[in-house]
Amino acid sequence: MDRDAAAGGGLLDALHDLWCGAKQGLRALSWQDQDWTGWVSGDLVSWVMAFPTARQDRYLLNGRTFVSDEMYCVTPACTCLDARIIFLEVLGAPDTETGERWIEAGSFAIDVGDCRASDWQAERVSLAELRGMWSA
């Protein structure tokens, strides 16, 4: 499996920073800029929603393109270390917000404290492919 970061994540971070710097007036959006009226205590929050200008890696698998998203518990005073990693297949059809259409391909739970994965749910990929994307 190829990964966007063939030359390393540091290079991709630098290119992303250059791109953001080249866009006149682009400011780093953050969680404060989002509409949180629908959030309910106990809901996991998407990393992409909290940090919309963060770099998002792509994964190439058998001619298909995937992106990942991380979901975290942000409930005040909660001491859990629960998170969920979701892989979404990029379908390429236009979407008003992202310019792409994504569909969930698989996900798994992860304990942030010890990085132990569990509850693997392969939907549009095999379990082996899902584990392969995680290990990339």
N, C-alpha and C. Protein backbone atom coordinates (compact mmCIF):
# COMPACT_ATOMS: atom_id res chain seq x y z
N MET A 1 0.85 -1.18 0.00
CA MET A 1 0.00 0.00 0.00
C MET A 1 0.89 1.23 0.00
N ASP A 2 0.56 2.19 -0.87
CA ASP A 2 1.27 3.46 -0.90
C ASP A 2 0.59 4.41 0.06
N ARG A 3 1.33 5.33 0.57
CA ARG A 3 0.77 6.34 1.44
C ARG A 3 1.18 7.70 0.90
N ASP A 4 0.34 8.69 1.06
CA ASP A 4 0.65 10.04 0.64
C ASP A 4 2.05 10.44 1.09
N ALA A 5 2.43 9.99 2.26
CA ALA A 5 3.68 10.43 2.89
C ALA A 5 4.87 9.60 2.43
N ALA A 6 4.98 9.34 1.15
CA ALA A 6 6.10 8.54 0.64
C ALA A 6 7.43 9.15 1.03
N ALA A 7 7.51 10.48 1.09
CA ALA A 7 8.75 11.15 1.46
C ALA A 7 8.78 11.49 2.95
N GLY A 8 7.75 11.16 3.68
CA GLY A 8 7.72 11.43 5.11
C GLY A 8 6.71 12.49 5.48
N GLY A 9 6.15 12.34 6.67
CA GLY A 9 5.14 13.28 7.15
C GLY A 9 5.65 14.69 7.31
N GLY A 10 6.94 14.85 7.66
CA GLY A 10 7.50 16.19 7.82
C GLY A 10 7.44 16.99 6.54
N LEU A 11 7.73 16.36 5.43
CA LEU A 11 7.67 17.03 4.14
C LEU A 11 6.24 17.45 3.83
N LEU A 12 5.29 16.57 4.07
CA LEU A 12 3.89 16.92 3.81
C LEU A 12 3.43 18.05 4.72
N ASP A 13 3.88 18.05 5.97
CA ASP A 13 3.54 19.16 6.87
C ASP A 13 4.08 20.47 6.33
N ALA A 14 5.33 20.46 5.85
CA ALA A 14 5.95 21.67 5.32
C ALA A 14 5.20 22.16 4.08
N LEU A 15 4.83 21.25 3.18
CA LEU A 15 4.08 21.63 1.99
C LEU A 15 2.72 22.20 2.35
N HIS A 16 2.06 21.60 3.33
CA HIS A 16 0.76 22.10 3.79
C HIS A 16 0.90 23.51 4.34
N ASP A 17 1.96 23.76 5.13
CA ASP A 17 2.19 25.09 5.69
C ASP A 17 2.44 26.11 4.58
N LEU A 18 3.21 25.72 3.56
CA LEU A 18 3.47 26.61 2.42
C LEU A 18 2.18 26.94 1.68
N TRP A 19 1.34 25.92 1.48
CA TRP A 19 0.07 26.13 0.79
C TRP A 19 -0.79 27.11 1.57
N CYS A 20 -0.90 26.90 2.89
CA CYS A 20 -1.71 27.81 3.72
C CYS A 20 -1.15 29.22 3.68
N GLY A 21 0.19 29.34 3.70
CA GLY A 21 0.82 30.66 3.65
C GLY A 21 0.61 31.36 2.32
N ALA A 22 0.51 30.59 1.24
CA ALA A 22 0.34 31.17 -0.10
C ALA A 22 -1.08 31.67 -0.34
N LYS A 23 -2.04 31.14 0.39
CA LYS A 23 -3.43 31.56 0.23
C LYS A 23 -3.66 32.86 1.00
N GLN A 24 -3.86 33.94 0.28
CA GLN A 24 -4.08 35.24 0.92
C GLN A 24 -5.32 35.19 1.80
N GLY A 25 -5.17 35.62 3.04
CA GLY A 25 -6.30 35.74 3.94
C GLY A 25 -6.76 34.44 4.56
N LEU A 26 -6.11 33.30 4.24
CA LEU A 26 -6.52 32.04 4.85
C LEU A 26 -6.02 32.01 6.29
N ARG A 27 -6.92 31.86 7.21
CA ARG A 27 -6.51 31.77 8.61
C ARG A 27 -6.79 30.37 9.10
N ALA A 28 -6.07 29.98 10.09
CA ALA A 28 -6.24 28.64 10.65
C ALA A 28 -7.59 28.58 11.38
N LEU A 29 -8.50 27.83 10.83
CA LEU A 29 -9.79 27.63 11.48
C LEU A 29 -9.59 26.68 12.66
N SER A 30 -10.42 26.78 13.62
CA SER A 30 -10.31 25.90 14.78
C SER A 30 -11.70 25.58 15.30
N TRP A 31 -11.73 24.86 16.39
CA TRP A 31 -13.00 24.43 16.96
C TRP A 31 -13.89 25.61 17.31
N GLN A 32 -13.32 26.77 17.62
CA GLN A 32 -14.13 27.93 17.97
C GLN A 32 -14.97 28.43 16.78
N ASP A 33 -14.55 28.09 15.56
CA ASP A 33 -15.25 28.55 14.37
C ASP A 33 -16.39 27.63 13.95
N GLN A 34 -16.58 26.52 14.64
CA GLN A 34 -17.57 25.53 14.25
C GLN A 34 -18.89 25.74 14.98
N ASP A 35 -19.95 25.22 14.39
CA ASP A 35 -21.28 25.25 15.01
C ASP A 35 -21.43 24.00 15.86
N TRP A 36 -21.45 24.17 17.17
CA TRP A 36 -21.51 23.03 18.10
C TRP A 36 -22.90 22.85 18.70
N THR A 37 -23.92 23.49 18.14
CA THR A 37 -25.25 23.41 18.74
C THR A 37 -25.80 21.99 18.75
N GLY A 38 -25.38 21.13 17.83
CA GLY A 38 -25.88 19.76 17.79
C GLY A 38 -25.10 18.79 18.65
N TRP A 39 -24.00 19.24 19.25
CA TRP A 39 -23.17 18.33 20.05
C TRP A 39 -23.84 18.02 21.37
N VAL A 40 -23.83 16.76 21.74
CA VAL A 40 -24.41 16.29 23.00
C VAL A 40 -23.29 15.66 23.80
N SER A 41 -23.25 15.92 25.10
CA SER A 41 -22.23 15.34 25.96
C SER A 41 -22.18 13.82 25.77
N GLY A 42 -21.00 13.31 25.53
CA GLY A 42 -20.84 11.89 25.27
C GLY A 42 -20.58 11.58 23.80
N ASP A 43 -20.93 12.51 22.90
CA ASP A 43 -20.64 12.33 21.48
C ASP A 43 -19.14 12.46 21.24
N LEU A 44 -18.62 11.63 20.34
CA LEU A 44 -17.24 11.78 19.93
C LEU A 44 -17.15 12.93 18.94
N VAL A 45 -16.03 13.66 18.96
CA VAL A 45 -15.83 14.82 18.10
C VAL A 45 -14.74 14.52 17.09
N SER A 46 -14.99 14.86 15.84
CA SER A 46 -14.06 14.64 14.74
C SER A 46 -12.87 15.61 14.82
N TRP A 47 -11.67 15.07 14.62
CA TRP A 47 -10.47 15.90 14.56
C TRP A 47 -10.60 16.92 13.43
N VAL A 48 -11.16 16.51 12.29
CA VAL A 48 -11.32 17.38 11.14
C VAL A 48 -12.28 18.52 11.46
N MET A 49 -13.30 18.27 12.25
CA MET A 49 -14.23 19.33 12.63
C MET A 49 -13.55 20.31 13.59
N ALA A 50 -12.75 19.79 14.51
CA ALA A 50 -12.08 20.65 15.48
C ALA A 50 -10.96 21.46 14.83
N PHE A 51 -10.29 20.88 13.84
CA PHE A 51 -9.16 21.53 13.18
C PHE A 51 -9.31 21.40 11.66
N PRO A 52 -10.22 22.17 11.06
CA PRO A 52 -10.56 21.98 9.65
C PRO A 52 -9.43 22.25 8.66
N THR A 53 -8.41 22.98 9.04
CA THR A 53 -7.31 23.22 8.10
C THR A 53 -6.13 22.29 8.34
N ALA A 54 -6.28 21.33 9.23
CA ALA A 54 -5.20 20.36 9.47
C ALA A 54 -5.01 19.49 8.23
N ARG A 55 -3.78 19.08 8.01
CA ARG A 55 -3.48 18.22 6.86
C ARG A 55 -4.17 16.88 7.05
N GLN A 56 -4.75 16.37 5.98
CA GLN A 56 -5.42 15.08 6.03
C GLN A 56 -4.76 14.16 5.01
N ASP A 57 -4.10 13.11 5.51
CA ASP A 57 -3.41 12.17 4.63
C ASP A 57 -4.39 11.33 3.84
N ARG A 58 -3.92 10.86 2.69
CA ARG A 58 -4.70 9.96 1.85
C ARG A 58 -3.99 8.63 1.77
N TYR A 59 -4.77 7.59 1.65
CA TYR A 59 -4.25 6.22 1.57
C TYR A 59 -4.73 5.62 0.26
N LEU A 60 -3.80 5.05 -0.49
CA LEU A 60 -4.14 4.42 -1.76
C LEU A 60 -4.11 2.92 -1.57
N LEU A 61 -5.20 2.26 -1.94
CA LEU A 61 -5.32 0.82 -1.76
C LEU A 61 -6.05 0.24 -2.96
N ASN A 62 -5.35 -0.59 -3.73
CA ASN A 62 -5.96 -1.25 -4.89
C ASN A 62 -6.68 -0.28 -5.81
N GLY A 63 -6.06 0.86 -6.08
CA GLY A 63 -6.64 1.85 -6.99
C GLY A 63 -7.73 2.71 -6.37
N ARG A 64 -7.99 2.55 -5.10
CA ARG A 64 -9.02 3.33 -4.40
C ARG A 64 -8.32 4.30 -3.44
N THR A 65 -8.94 5.45 -3.20
CA THR A 65 -8.38 6.47 -2.32
C THR A 65 -9.23 6.57 -1.06
N PHE A 66 -8.53 6.67 0.09
CA PHE A 66 -9.19 6.76 1.38
C PHE A 66 -8.59 7.91 2.18
N VAL A 67 -9.39 8.49 3.06
CA VAL A 67 -8.91 9.44 4.06
C VAL A 67 -9.30 8.87 5.42
N SER A 68 -8.65 9.36 6.45
CA SER A 68 -9.01 8.91 7.79
C SER A 68 -9.47 10.08 8.63
N ASP A 69 -10.23 9.79 9.64
CA ASP A 69 -10.65 10.80 10.60
C ASP A 69 -10.56 10.17 11.98
N GLU A 70 -10.26 10.99 12.94
CA GLU A 70 -10.15 10.53 14.32
C GLU A 70 -11.29 11.16 15.10
N MET A 71 -11.95 10.35 15.92
CA MET A 71 -13.06 10.82 16.73
C MET A 71 -12.65 10.68 18.20
N TYR A 72 -12.82 11.77 18.98
CA TYR A 72 -12.38 11.78 20.37
C TYR A 72 -13.51 12.16 21.32
N CYS A 73 -13.42 11.66 22.53
CA CYS A 73 -14.34 12.06 23.59
C CYS A 73 -13.83 13.38 24.17
N VAL A 74 -14.69 14.38 24.18
CA VAL A 74 -14.33 15.68 24.74
C VAL A 74 -15.30 16.10 25.85
N THR A 75 -16.00 15.12 26.38
CA THR A 75 -16.95 15.41 27.44
C THR A 75 -16.21 15.96 28.65
N PRO A 76 -16.61 17.15 29.14
CA PRO A 76 -15.93 17.73 30.30
C PRO A 76 -15.92 16.77 31.49
N ALA A 77 -14.81 16.70 32.15
CA ALA A 77 -14.57 15.87 33.34
C ALA A 77 -14.54 14.38 33.07
N CYS A 78 -14.68 13.97 31.83
CA CYS A 78 -14.60 12.54 31.51
C CYS A 78 -13.13 12.12 31.50
N THR A 79 -12.85 10.99 32.10
CA THR A 79 -11.47 10.51 32.17
C THR A 79 -11.20 9.36 31.22
N CYS A 80 -12.17 9.03 30.36
CA CYS A 80 -11.95 7.93 29.42
C CYS A 80 -10.88 8.30 28.40
N LEU A 81 -10.32 7.33 27.79
CA LEU A 81 -9.32 7.53 26.75
C LEU A 81 -9.83 6.97 25.43
N ASP A 82 -11.16 7.01 25.24
CA ASP A 82 -11.78 6.43 24.07
C ASP A 82 -11.61 7.31 22.84
N ALA A 83 -11.35 6.66 21.74
CA ALA A 83 -11.29 7.32 20.43
C ALA A 83 -11.71 6.30 19.39
N ARG A 84 -12.02 6.77 18.21
CA ARG A 84 -12.37 5.88 17.10
C ARG A 84 -11.69 6.41 15.85
N ILE A 85 -11.08 5.52 15.10
CA ILE A 85 -10.45 5.87 13.83
C ILE A 85 -11.39 5.39 12.72
N ILE A 86 -11.71 6.27 11.81
CA ILE A 86 -12.62 5.96 10.71
C ILE A 86 -11.89 6.17 9.39
N PHE A 87 -11.98 5.19 8.50
CA PHE A 87 -11.45 5.34 7.15
C PHE A 87 -12.63 5.54 6.21
N LEU A 88 -12.53 6.57 5.38
CA LEU A 88 -13.60 6.93 4.45
C LEU A 88 -13.06 6.82 3.03
N GLU A 89 -13.82 6.16 2.17
CA GLU A 89 -13.42 6.07 0.78
C GLU A 89 -13.83 7.35 0.06
N VAL A 90 -12.90 7.91 -0.72
CA VAL A 90 -13.17 9.12 -1.50
C VAL A 90 -13.81 8.67 -2.80
N LEU A 91 -15.06 9.08 -3.01
CA LEU A 91 -15.79 8.67 -4.20
C LEU A 91 -15.63 9.65 -5.34
N GLY A 92 -15.17 10.85 -5.05
CA GLY A 92 -14.87 11.81 -6.09
C GLY A 92 -16.03 12.67 -6.55
N ALA A 93 -17.25 12.29 -6.25
CA ALA A 93 -18.40 13.10 -6.67
C ALA A 93 -18.40 14.41 -5.87
N PRO A 94 -18.73 15.51 -6.50
CA PRO A 94 -18.69 16.80 -5.81
C PRO A 94 -19.58 16.86 -4.58
N ASP A 95 -19.10 17.56 -3.57
CA ASP A 95 -19.82 17.82 -2.34
C ASP A 95 -19.67 19.31 -2.07
N THR A 96 -20.67 19.95 -1.54
CA THR A 96 -20.62 21.40 -1.38
C THR A 96 -19.56 21.85 -0.39
N GLU A 97 -19.25 21.06 0.64
CA GLU A 97 -18.28 21.50 1.64
C GLU A 97 -16.86 21.04 1.34
N THR A 98 -16.68 19.79 0.98
CA THR A 98 -15.33 19.25 0.83
C THR A 98 -14.87 19.19 -0.61
N GLY A 99 -15.79 19.31 -1.55
CA GLY A 99 -15.44 19.13 -2.95
C GLY A 99 -15.37 17.66 -3.32
N GLU A 100 -15.60 16.79 -2.36
CA GLU A 100 -15.57 15.34 -2.59
C GLU A 100 -16.73 14.71 -1.83
N ARG A 101 -17.02 13.48 -2.20
CA ARG A 101 -18.02 12.71 -1.46
C ARG A 101 -17.31 11.51 -0.86
N TRP A 102 -17.53 11.27 0.41
CA TRP A 102 -16.87 10.17 1.13
C TRP A 102 -17.93 9.22 1.67
N ILE A 103 -17.54 7.95 1.78
CA ILE A 103 -18.41 6.96 2.41
C ILE A 103 -17.56 6.12 3.34
N GLU A 104 -18.11 5.80 4.51
CA GLU A 104 -17.32 5.06 5.50
C GLU A 104 -16.96 3.68 4.97
N ALA A 105 -15.67 3.36 5.06
CA ALA A 105 -15.16 2.07 4.60
C ALA A 105 -14.90 1.12 5.76
N GLY A 106 -14.64 1.65 6.93
CA GLY A 106 -14.36 0.84 8.10
C GLY A 106 -13.87 1.69 9.24
N SER A 107 -13.87 1.11 10.43
CA SER A 107 -13.45 1.86 11.60
C SER A 107 -13.04 0.89 12.71
N PHE A 108 -12.44 1.45 13.73
CA PHE A 108 -12.11 0.67 14.92
C PHE A 108 -11.96 1.60 16.11
N ALA A 109 -12.15 1.05 17.30
CA ALA A 109 -11.96 1.81 18.53
C ALA A 109 -10.49 1.72 18.92
N ILE A 110 -10.03 2.75 19.61
CA ILE A 110 -8.65 2.73 20.09
C ILE A 110 -8.59 3.37 21.47
N ASP A 111 -7.82 2.78 22.34
CA ASP A 111 -7.56 3.33 23.66
C ASP A 111 -6.35 4.25 23.51
N VAL A 112 -6.55 5.54 23.69
CA VAL A 112 -5.48 6.50 23.48
C VAL A 112 -4.33 6.30 24.47
N GLY A 113 -4.62 5.74 25.62
CA GLY A 113 -3.58 5.52 26.62
C GLY A 113 -2.54 4.51 26.20
N ASP A 114 -2.96 3.42 25.58
CA ASP A 114 -2.00 2.37 25.22
C ASP A 114 -2.02 2.02 23.73
N CYS A 115 -2.77 2.78 22.92
CA CYS A 115 -2.88 2.58 21.46
C CYS A 115 -3.36 1.17 21.10
N ARG A 116 -4.14 0.56 21.95
CA ARG A 116 -4.68 -0.77 21.67
C ARG A 116 -5.97 -0.63 20.87
N ALA A 117 -6.00 -1.29 19.72
CA ALA A 117 -7.17 -1.23 18.84
C ALA A 117 -8.12 -2.39 19.13
N SER A 118 -9.41 -2.12 18.98
CA SER A 118 -10.43 -3.16 19.19
C SER A 118 -11.67 -2.78 18.38
N ASP A 119 -12.66 -3.63 18.41
CA ASP A 119 -13.95 -3.37 17.77
C ASP A 119 -13.79 -2.98 16.29
N TRP A 120 -13.04 -3.82 15.55
CA TRP A 120 -12.81 -3.58 14.12
C TRP A 120 -14.11 -3.78 13.35
N GLN A 121 -14.48 -2.81 12.52
CA GLN A 121 -15.70 -2.88 11.73
C GLN A 121 -15.38 -2.56 10.27
N ALA A 122 -15.15 -3.59 9.48
CA ALA A 122 -14.87 -3.43 8.05
C ALA A 122 -16.18 -3.40 7.29
N GLU A 123 -16.40 -2.35 6.51
CA GLU A 123 -17.66 -2.20 5.78
C GLU A 123 -17.48 -2.28 4.28
N ARG A 124 -16.56 -1.49 3.72
CA ARG A 124 -16.34 -1.48 2.27
C ARG A 124 -14.96 -2.03 1.90
N VAL A 125 -14.25 -2.50 2.89
CA VAL A 125 -12.94 -3.12 2.70
C VAL A 125 -12.90 -4.38 3.55
N SER A 126 -11.93 -5.24 3.28
CA SER A 126 -11.78 -6.44 4.11
C SER A 126 -11.13 -6.04 5.43
N LEU A 127 -11.24 -6.91 6.41
CA LEU A 127 -10.60 -6.67 7.70
C LEU A 127 -9.09 -6.55 7.52
N ALA A 128 -8.50 -7.36 6.66
CA ALA A 128 -7.05 -7.29 6.40
C ALA A 128 -6.68 -5.93 5.79
N GLU A 129 -7.51 -5.42 4.88
CA GLU A 129 -7.23 -4.12 4.27
C GLU A 129 -7.35 -3.00 5.31
N LEU A 130 -8.36 -3.09 6.17
CA LEU A 130 -8.53 -2.09 7.22
C LEU A 130 -7.34 -2.08 8.15
N ARG A 131 -6.90 -3.26 8.56
CA ARG A 131 -5.71 -3.35 9.43
C ARG A 131 -4.47 -2.83 8.70
N GLY A 132 -4.38 -3.06 7.40
CA GLY A 132 -3.27 -2.57 6.61
C GLY A 132 -3.21 -1.05 6.54
N MET A 133 -4.38 -0.43 6.39
CA MET A 133 -4.41 1.04 6.37
C MET A 133 -3.97 1.60 7.71
N TRP A 134 -4.37 0.94 8.80
CA TRP A 134 -3.99 1.40 10.13
C TRP A 134 -2.47 1.26 10.33
N SER A 135 -1.88 0.24 9.79
CA SER A 135 -0.45 0.03 10.00
C SER A 135 0.42 0.85 9.05
N ALA A 136 -0.21 1.53 8.05
CA ALA A 136 0.57 2.31 7.06
C ALA A 136 1.25 3.50 7.70
